[in-house]
Amino acid sequence: MEKNESRPVRTDKTLLVLVLLLVIFGLVILFSASAYNGRVRFHDPAYYFKKQLFATALGLAVMYAVSQIDYHILVSMAPGAYLVSMLLSTAVLLFGQEINGSKRWLNLGPLSFQPSEFAKVAVILFLSWQISRTKKNTAGFGFMCRVMVTLLPIVGLVGSNNLSTAIIILGIGVVLIFVSNPKYMQFIGLGAAGIAFVAVFLAAESYRLERLAIWRDPEKYEKGFQTIQGLYAIGSGGLFGRGLGSSLQKLGFVPEAQNDMIFSIICEELGLMGAGTLILIFALLLWRLCVISTHSSDLQGTLICGGILGHMAIQVILNIAVVTNTIPNTGITLPFVSYGGTSVVFLLGEMGLALSVGSHRKPEAAYNKSKRLF
C-alpha cells in the first residue's frame, strides 16, 4: 500500500447527483420499454421494473458501503478478487445457464449472477494494484506486454462465450496502461495485437462472422430484423419523440426492447432531445470521473477512476454504436439503463469506488476550483 497524505473530505456531490440522475432515468425508461413484454410474458407490466428496482436498491446500498471504505483496503484485496473472478468464469463454462446459445449466468438459488460483471471490477482493482507496485518501471513496450499478459487468463475465459465483455476488459487494460504511461507510439503495436485477438475470436465461432454479414446488409438476413426495427424506432422519434410510453417498436417489433436495444426506444419516445440529454449526462459523468482521477492523492486512486472512466466510456460508445448499426451487434448493455440486475449492482459499486477515491484525496485548490465550475 502506498503512503499518502490524503484525508477524508466531503462526498463528491456532483458525481453522486449525476449517478442518481442516470439511475432514475434508467428506471423510468425501463418501465416504459419493458411494460409490453412484461404484460405478455408474465401478466405484469411492471415485472421487469420491479426486479430492476430491487437490484438498484441493492446497488445503492453497495455504493454507499463501498464509498465509506478506504479504497487502499480494497486495492490490497485485488489479487484475491481477480482469482475469484477467474474461478467464477470457469464455473460459468462448466455449470452456467445457457441462454440464446451462450453461457453467461450462474444460478444461485432463485437468483442468477453474471460473473463477467464482477470480472470488470476485479480487473480494475487488480491492474491498479499491479501497476502501482511497478510505477517506477512503466515505460516501454515490455511493461505493456506484462500488463496485457496478466489479463489473458480472464480475457480467454470470458471471451469464450462473451466477446463483448472481453473487449471491454482489454479496453480497460489499455486505458490503465495509458494513464500510467501516456506515450502514443507504443500503442500502435498494442492496437495491432488487439485487432489480431478480436479477429481470432471472431473466426472461432461462426455466429460471430454471421453478425458481421448482418451488419453489412441487415435487410438480407432474417436476424437483421432487430437492427432494422431499431433504426425505424430511431428515425421515427424525430426531434422530440412520440412521448414517454408511446413507442410502437417496443410492441414486439424490437425483440427484448428493455435490453441492448433500449437506446432505440429512448430515441423513439423522447426524440433527439431526450437521447442527447442522456448522452450529455454520461459525458458529464465521464468528466467528473476524470476530475477525481486527476486530483487523486496517489497513483492507485488515479488508476481506479481511470479504469472506471474507461469502462463506462467504452460500454456507452459501443452500445450506441450497435443500436445505430455503426458496428456489428455485440450484445453490450447501456449502463444504468438497460435491464440487468447484476450489471446495475456492480456499476453502482464502481461509483462507490470513485466516491471513495474522491473522499480520500489531498486538499488541492485546483480540485476545489473545478468543483465550483459546475
Protein backbone atom coordinates (compact mmCIF):
# COMPACT_ATOMS: atom_id res chain seq x y z
CA MET A 1 0.00 0.00 0.00
CA GLU A 2 1.32 3.41 -0.88
CA LYS A 3 1.89 6.09 1.68
CA ASN A 4 -0.21 9.16 1.15
CA GLU A 5 -1.26 12.27 2.97
CA SER A 6 -4.89 12.16 1.95
CA ARG A 7 -7.65 12.79 4.42
CA PRO A 8 -11.39 12.15 4.27
CA VAL A 9 -13.35 15.07 2.82
CA ARG A 10 -16.93 15.64 1.82
CA THR A 11 -18.63 13.33 -0.65
CA ASP A 12 -18.35 14.44 -4.25
CA LYS A 13 -21.92 15.65 -4.65
CA THR A 14 -21.60 16.33 -8.37
CA LEU A 15 -20.74 12.70 -9.11
CA LEU A 16 -23.47 11.49 -6.76
CA VAL A 17 -26.13 13.67 -8.41
CA LEU A 18 -25.12 12.51 -11.90
CA VAL A 19 -25.30 8.85 -10.85
CA LEU A 20 -28.74 9.35 -9.28
CA LEU A 21 -29.98 11.12 -12.43
CA LEU A 22 -28.88 8.16 -14.55
CA VAL A 23 -30.45 5.67 -12.15
CA ILE A 24 -33.81 7.49 -12.11
CA PHE A 25 -33.78 8.00 -15.87
CA GLY A 26 -32.96 4.33 -16.35
CA LEU A 27 -35.80 3.11 -14.16
CA VAL A 28 -38.35 5.37 -15.87
CA ILE A 29 -37.39 4.39 -19.41
CA LEU A 30 -37.04 0.72 -18.44
CA PHE A 31 -40.61 0.65 -17.15
CA SER A 32 -41.81 2.16 -20.42
CA ALA A 33 -39.72 -0.13 -22.65
CA SER A 34 -40.49 -3.35 -20.75
CA ALA A 35 -44.20 -2.91 -19.97
CA TYR A 36 -45.39 -4.74 -23.10
CA ASN A 37 -43.06 -7.71 -22.69
CA GLY A 38 -43.89 -7.93 -19.01
CA ARG A 39 -47.63 -7.97 -19.72
CA VAL A 40 -47.34 -10.59 -22.48
CA ARG A 41 -44.92 -12.94 -20.72
CA PHE A 42 -45.72 -12.55 -17.03
CA HIS A 43 -49.13 -10.78 -17.00
CA ASP A 44 -47.49 -7.93 -15.12
CA PRO A 45 -46.37 -4.77 -16.96
CA ALA A 46 -44.12 -3.87 -14.01
CA TYR A 47 -42.37 -7.26 -13.85
CA TYR A 48 -39.00 -6.12 -15.21
CA PHE A 49 -39.28 -2.76 -13.45
CA LYS A 50 -39.77 -4.35 -10.02
CA LYS A 51 -36.78 -6.65 -10.48
CA GLN A 52 -34.61 -3.76 -11.65
CA LEU A 53 -35.84 -1.58 -8.77
CA PHE A 54 -34.78 -4.26 -6.28
CA ALA A 55 -31.35 -4.57 -7.91
CA THR A 56 -30.97 -0.78 -7.97
CA ALA A 57 -31.81 -0.51 -4.26
CA LEU A 58 -29.23 -3.20 -3.54
CA GLY A 59 -26.73 -1.43 -5.77
CA LEU A 60 -27.25 1.90 -3.99
CA ALA A 61 -26.60 0.16 -0.66
CA VAL A 62 -23.41 -1.34 -2.13
CA MET A 63 -22.38 2.07 -3.48
CA TYR A 64 -22.79 3.66 -0.05
CA ALA A 65 -20.93 0.85 1.72
CA VAL A 66 -18.01 0.93 -0.74
CA SER A 67 -17.79 4.72 -0.62
CA GLN A 68 -17.23 4.52 3.18
CA ILE A 69 -14.23 2.20 2.80
CA ASP A 70 -10.73 3.48 2.13
CA TYR A 71 -10.03 2.36 -1.42
CA HIS A 72 -6.49 1.29 -0.45
CA ILE A 73 -8.04 -1.55 1.55
CA LEU A 74 -9.99 -2.72 -1.49
CA VAL A 75 -6.91 -2.50 -3.73
CA SER A 76 -4.96 -4.65 -1.27
CA MET A 77 -7.63 -7.36 -1.76
CA ALA A 78 -7.40 -7.14 -5.57
CA PRO A 79 -5.30 -10.30 -6.20
CA GLY A 80 -7.88 -12.39 -4.35
CA ALA A 81 -10.74 -10.73 -6.23
CA TYR A 82 -9.00 -11.41 -9.55
CA LEU A 83 -8.55 -15.08 -8.64
CA VAL A 84 -12.21 -15.34 -7.63
CA SER A 85 -13.26 -13.79 -10.95
CA MET A 86 -11.31 -16.47 -12.84
CA LEU A 87 -12.86 -19.24 -10.74
CA LEU A 88 -16.36 -17.87 -11.33
CA SER A 89 -15.72 -17.51 -15.07
CA THR A 90 -14.54 -21.13 -15.16
CA ALA A 91 -17.64 -22.20 -13.28
CA VAL A 92 -19.80 -20.49 -15.93
CA LEU A 93 -18.18 -22.61 -18.65
CA LEU A 94 -18.80 -25.79 -16.65
CA PHE A 95 -22.13 -25.18 -14.91
CA GLY A 96 -23.52 -21.95 -16.39
CA GLN A 97 -27.06 -21.46 -17.60
CA GLU A 98 -27.25 -21.30 -21.39
CA ILE A 99 -29.47 -18.58 -22.87
CA ASN A 100 -29.64 -17.89 -26.61
CA GLY A 101 -26.68 -20.19 -27.22
CA SER A 102 -24.32 -18.52 -24.70
CA LYS A 103 -23.38 -19.48 -21.16
CA ARG A 104 -23.09 -16.26 -19.18
CA TRP A 105 -25.06 -16.82 -15.96
CA LEU A 106 -24.63 -18.82 -12.77
CA ASN A 107 -27.79 -19.76 -10.89
CA LEU A 108 -27.64 -19.09 -7.15
CA GLY A 109 -30.96 -20.47 -5.94
CA PRO A 110 -33.73 -18.15 -7.13
CA LEU A 111 -31.20 -15.57 -8.30
CA SER A 112 -28.92 -15.53 -11.35
CA PHE A 113 -25.48 -13.94 -11.37
CA GLN A 114 -23.31 -12.83 -14.29
CA PRO A 115 -19.63 -13.28 -13.28
CA SER A 116 -18.38 -11.19 -16.20
CA GLU A 117 -19.71 -8.06 -14.46
CA PHE A 118 -17.67 -8.89 -11.36
CA ALA A 119 -14.66 -9.54 -13.61
CA LYS A 120 -14.68 -5.92 -14.84
CA VAL A 121 -14.42 -4.54 -11.30
CA ALA A 122 -11.82 -7.16 -10.32
CA VAL A 123 -9.68 -6.22 -13.33
CA ILE A 124 -9.81 -2.51 -12.49
CA LEU A 125 -8.70 -3.18 -8.90
CA PHE A 126 -6.09 -5.77 -9.86
CA LEU A 127 -4.42 -3.65 -12.54
CA SER A 128 -4.43 -0.66 -10.16
CA TRP A 129 -2.65 -2.86 -7.61
CA GLN A 130 -0.20 -4.28 -10.16
CA ILE A 131 0.71 -1.03 -11.90
CA SER A 132 1.06 0.96 -8.65
CA ARG A 133 3.60 -1.62 -7.43
CA THR A 134 5.74 -1.11 -10.54
CA LYS A 135 5.21 2.62 -11.00
CA LYS A 136 8.94 3.27 -11.44
CA ASN A 137 9.13 0.91 -14.39
CA THR A 138 6.09 1.71 -16.51
CA ALA A 139 7.95 2.82 -19.63
CA GLY A 140 8.39 0.76 -22.75
CA PHE A 141 6.68 -1.96 -24.66
CA GLY A 142 7.78 -4.61 -22.15
CA PHE A 143 5.63 -3.08 -19.42
CA MET A 144 2.64 -3.03 -21.74
CA CYS A 145 3.15 -6.69 -22.59
CA ARG A 146 3.43 -7.69 -18.92
CA VAL A 147 0.15 -5.99 -18.06
CA MET A 148 -1.70 -7.45 -21.05
CA VAL A 149 -0.34 -10.96 -20.36
CA THR A 150 -1.79 -10.64 -16.87
CA LEU A 151 -5.20 -10.10 -18.46
CA LEU A 152 -5.04 -13.04 -20.87
CA PRO A 153 -6.44 -15.69 -18.46
CA ILE A 154 -9.60 -13.74 -17.63
CA VAL A 155 -9.98 -12.47 -21.20
CA GLY A 156 -9.75 -16.02 -22.53
CA LEU A 157 -12.28 -17.36 -20.02
CA VAL A 158 -14.78 -14.52 -20.52
CA GLY A 159 -14.21 -14.21 -24.26
CA SER A 160 -15.01 -17.85 -24.95
CA ASN A 161 -18.71 -17.07 -24.52
CA ASN A 162 -18.88 -13.28 -24.17
CA LEU A 163 -16.66 -11.49 -26.68
CA SER A 164 -18.12 -8.06 -25.94
CA THR A 165 -17.11 -8.18 -22.26
CA ALA A 166 -13.67 -9.49 -23.22
CA ILE A 167 -13.24 -6.44 -25.47
CA ILE A 168 -14.26 -4.15 -22.60
CA ILE A 169 -11.73 -5.81 -20.27
CA LEU A 170 -9.00 -5.38 -22.87
CA GLY A 171 -10.08 -1.75 -23.28
CA ILE A 172 -9.79 -1.18 -19.53
CA GLY A 173 -6.28 -2.59 -19.65
CA VAL A 174 -5.30 -0.25 -22.48
CA VAL A 175 -6.74 2.78 -20.66
CA LEU A 176 -4.85 1.99 -17.45
CA ILE A 177 -1.60 1.45 -19.33
CA PHE A 178 -2.09 4.84 -20.98
CA VAL A 179 -2.89 6.52 -17.63
CA SER A 180 0.33 5.17 -16.11
CA ASN A 181 2.48 5.89 -19.19
CA PRO A 182 0.81 8.28 -21.67
CA LYS A 183 3.03 7.78 -24.73
CA TYR A 184 1.27 7.38 -28.05
CA MET A 185 3.61 5.49 -30.38
CA GLN A 186 3.80 2.32 -28.31
CA PHE A 187 0.04 1.90 -28.60
CA ILE A 188 0.33 1.18 -32.32
CA GLY A 189 1.76 -2.26 -31.59
CA LEU A 190 -0.77 -2.82 -28.84
CA GLY A 191 -3.58 -1.86 -31.19
CA ALA A 192 -2.36 -4.31 -33.81
CA ALA A 193 -2.25 -7.07 -31.20
CA GLY A 194 -5.77 -6.20 -30.10
CA ILE A 195 -7.09 -6.36 -33.66
CA ALA A 196 -5.43 -9.75 -34.12
CA PHE A 197 -7.03 -11.00 -30.89
CA VAL A 198 -10.50 -9.88 -31.95
CA ALA A 199 -10.03 -11.45 -35.38
CA VAL A 200 -9.14 -14.82 -33.81
CA PHE A 201 -12.21 -14.77 -31.58
CA LEU A 202 -14.44 -13.73 -34.46
CA ALA A 203 -13.21 -16.66 -36.54
CA ALA A 204 -13.59 -19.10 -33.64
CA GLU A 205 -17.41 -19.04 -33.77
CA SER A 206 -19.49 -18.99 -36.94
CA TYR A 207 -22.26 -16.88 -35.39
CA ARG A 208 -19.78 -14.02 -34.89
CA LEU A 209 -18.90 -14.00 -38.58
CA GLU A 210 -22.63 -14.09 -39.30
CA ARG A 211 -23.05 -10.92 -37.26
CA LEU A 212 -20.51 -9.19 -39.49
CA ALA A 213 -22.53 -10.17 -42.57
CA ILE A 214 -25.78 -8.97 -40.94
CA TRP A 215 -24.14 -5.65 -40.06
CA ARG A 216 -23.12 -5.07 -43.66
CA ASP A 217 -26.58 -5.85 -45.06
CA PRO A 218 -29.24 -6.35 -42.37
CA GLU A 219 -32.11 -6.50 -44.87
CA LYS A 220 -30.60 -9.59 -46.48
CA TYR A 221 -30.81 -11.73 -43.33
CA GLU A 222 -33.70 -12.75 -41.11
CA LYS A 223 -31.63 -11.98 -38.00
CA GLY A 224 -31.22 -8.41 -39.21
CA PHE A 225 -34.82 -7.78 -38.18
CA GLN A 226 -33.82 -6.37 -34.78
CA THR A 227 -31.34 -3.94 -36.29
CA ILE A 228 -33.82 -2.69 -38.89
CA GLN A 229 -36.61 -2.21 -36.35
CA GLY A 230 -34.22 -0.38 -34.04
CA LEU A 231 -33.33 2.01 -36.86
CA TYR A 232 -37.04 2.52 -37.57
CA ALA A 233 -37.51 3.46 -33.92
CA ILE A 234 -34.65 5.96 -34.02
CA GLY A 235 -35.86 7.54 -37.25
CA SER A 236 -39.49 7.85 -36.17
CA GLY A 237 -38.64 9.70 -32.95
CA GLY A 238 -37.78 12.97 -34.66
CA LEU A 239 -36.68 15.90 -32.56
CA PHE A 240 -38.94 15.49 -29.51
CA GLY A 241 -40.19 11.90 -29.85
CA ARG A 242 -43.63 10.31 -29.75
CA GLY A 243 -43.88 10.83 -25.99
CA LEU A 244 -42.92 8.71 -22.99
CA GLY A 245 -44.71 5.35 -23.14
CA SER A 246 -45.86 5.85 -26.74
CA SER A 247 -43.31 3.71 -28.59
CA LEU A 248 -44.69 1.40 -31.28
CA GLN A 249 -41.48 -0.57 -31.88
CA LYS A 250 -41.42 -1.92 -28.32
CA LEU A 251 -44.69 -3.77 -29.05
CA GLY A 252 -42.84 -6.85 -30.22
CA PHE A 253 -41.07 -5.27 -33.19
CA VAL A 254 -37.79 -4.69 -31.34
CA PRO A 255 -37.16 -8.02 -29.55
CA GLU A 256 -36.26 -7.66 -25.86
CA ALA A 257 -36.60 -3.89 -26.07
CA GLN A 258 -35.59 -3.49 -22.43
CA ASN A 259 -32.13 -4.96 -23.02
CA ASP A 260 -29.39 -4.00 -25.51
CA MET A 261 -31.67 -2.01 -27.85
CA ILE A 262 -33.24 0.25 -25.23
CA PHE A 263 -31.48 3.31 -26.68
CA SER A 264 -33.62 2.98 -29.81
CA ILE A 265 -36.76 3.18 -27.63
CA ILE A 266 -35.34 6.28 -25.94
CA CYS A 267 -34.89 7.89 -29.36
CA GLU A 268 -38.42 6.95 -30.42
CA GLU A 269 -40.18 8.15 -27.26
CA LEU A 270 -38.02 11.14 -26.30
CA GLY A 271 -36.54 12.04 -29.66
CA LEU A 272 -33.17 13.58 -30.40
CA MET A 273 -33.52 15.92 -27.42
CA GLY A 274 -34.05 13.08 -24.95
CA ALA A 275 -31.27 10.94 -26.39
CA GLY A 276 -28.94 13.96 -26.47
CA THR A 277 -29.74 14.76 -22.83
CA LEU A 278 -28.86 11.22 -21.80
CA ILE A 279 -25.58 11.38 -23.73
CA LEU A 280 -24.83 14.72 -22.06
CA ILE A 281 -25.33 13.21 -18.59
CA PHE A 282 -22.99 10.36 -19.49
CA ALA A 283 -20.44 12.90 -20.77
CA LEU A 284 -20.66 14.87 -17.52
CA LEU A 285 -20.21 11.66 -15.53
CA LEU A 286 -17.06 10.85 -17.50
CA TRP A 287 -15.82 14.41 -16.98
CA ARG A 288 -16.35 14.11 -13.24
CA LEU A 289 -14.51 10.80 -13.09
CA CYS A 290 -11.66 12.46 -14.97
CA VAL A 291 -11.55 15.32 -12.45
CA ILE A 292 -11.44 12.91 -9.50
CA SER A 293 -8.77 10.81 -11.20
CA THR A 294 -6.62 13.85 -11.99
CA HIS A 295 -6.74 15.14 -8.41
CA SER A 296 -6.40 11.83 -6.62
CA SER A 297 -3.90 11.69 -3.78
CA ASP A 298 -1.92 8.80 -5.29
CA LEU A 299 -1.47 6.58 -8.34
CA GLN A 300 -3.86 3.91 -7.10
CA GLY A 301 -6.74 6.36 -6.91
CA THR A 302 -5.87 7.76 -10.33
CA LEU A 303 -5.84 4.28 -11.86
CA ILE A 304 -9.13 3.23 -10.23
CA CYS A 305 -11.02 6.24 -11.55
CA GLY A 306 -9.26 5.94 -14.91
CA GLY A 307 -10.36 2.32 -15.17
CA ILE A 308 -13.95 3.15 -14.24
CA LEU A 309 -13.95 6.01 -16.76
CA GLY A 310 -12.63 3.69 -19.46
CA HIS A 311 -15.22 1.03 -18.66
CA MET A 312 -18.10 3.48 -18.78
CA ALA A 313 -16.91 5.23 -21.95
CA ILE A 314 -16.29 2.00 -23.86
CA GLN A 315 -19.63 0.48 -22.89
CA VAL A 316 -21.70 3.59 -23.69
CA ILE A 317 -19.97 4.16 -27.03
CA LEU A 318 -20.25 0.51 -28.10
CA ASN A 319 -23.91 0.23 -27.13
CA ILE A 320 -24.94 3.36 -29.03
CA ALA A 321 -22.78 2.31 -31.99
CA VAL A 322 -24.52 -1.09 -32.11
CA VAL A 323 -28.02 0.40 -31.88
CA THR A 324 -27.26 2.81 -34.72
CA ASN A 325 -25.66 -0.05 -36.72
CA THR A 326 -22.30 1.72 -36.77
CA ILE A 327 -20.63 -1.54 -35.67
CA PRO A 328 -21.81 -5.19 -35.64
CA ASN A 329 -24.09 -6.34 -32.84
CA THR A 330 -22.03 -7.21 -29.75
CA GLY A 331 -24.66 -7.64 -27.03
CA ILE A 332 -23.44 -4.77 -24.84
CA THR A 333 -25.93 -3.11 -22.49
CA LEU A 334 -26.35 0.62 -21.86
CA PRO A 335 -25.06 1.35 -18.32
CA PHE A 336 -27.72 2.17 -15.71
CA VAL A 337 -30.48 2.00 -18.34
CA SER A 338 -30.65 -1.49 -19.86
CA TYR A 339 -32.30 -4.28 -17.87
CA GLY A 340 -29.85 -6.33 -15.82
CA GLY A 341 -29.63 -6.70 -12.06
CA THR A 342 -26.00 -7.87 -11.88
CA SER A 343 -24.90 -5.04 -14.15
CA VAL A 344 -26.52 -2.24 -12.16
CA VAL A 345 -25.25 -3.59 -8.82
CA PHE A 346 -21.63 -3.68 -9.96
CA LEU A 347 -21.89 -0.37 -11.83
CA LEU A 348 -23.09 1.31 -8.66
CA GLY A 349 -20.32 -0.48 -6.78
CA GLU A 350 -17.84 1.14 -9.19
CA MET A 351 -19.40 4.52 -8.49
CA GLY A 352 -18.87 3.82 -4.78
CA LEU A 353 -15.19 3.21 -5.54
CA ALA A 354 -14.98 6.55 -7.34
CA LEU A 355 -16.68 8.30 -4.41
CA SER A 356 -14.16 6.66 -2.06
CA VAL A 357 -11.27 7.96 -4.17
CA GLY A 358 -12.85 11.42 -4.20
CA SER A 359 -13.27 11.32 -0.41
CA HIS A 360 -9.63 10.39 0.32
CA ARG A 361 -7.59 12.96 -1.50
CA LYS A 362 -5.08 15.71 -0.88
CA PRO A 363 -6.78 19.10 -0.44
CA GLU A 364 -5.95 20.98 -3.65
CA ALA A 365 -7.08 24.40 -4.75
CA ALA A 366 -7.36 23.20 -8.33
CA TYR A 367 -9.78 20.48 -7.34
CA ASN A 368 -11.92 22.90 -5.35
CA LYS A 369 -11.88 25.33 -8.29
CA SER A 370 -13.05 22.60 -10.69
CA LYS A 371 -15.96 21.82 -8.37
CA ARG A 372 -17.06 25.46 -8.38
CA LEU A 373 -17.22 25.44 -12.17
CA PHE A 374 -20.16 23.01 -12.15
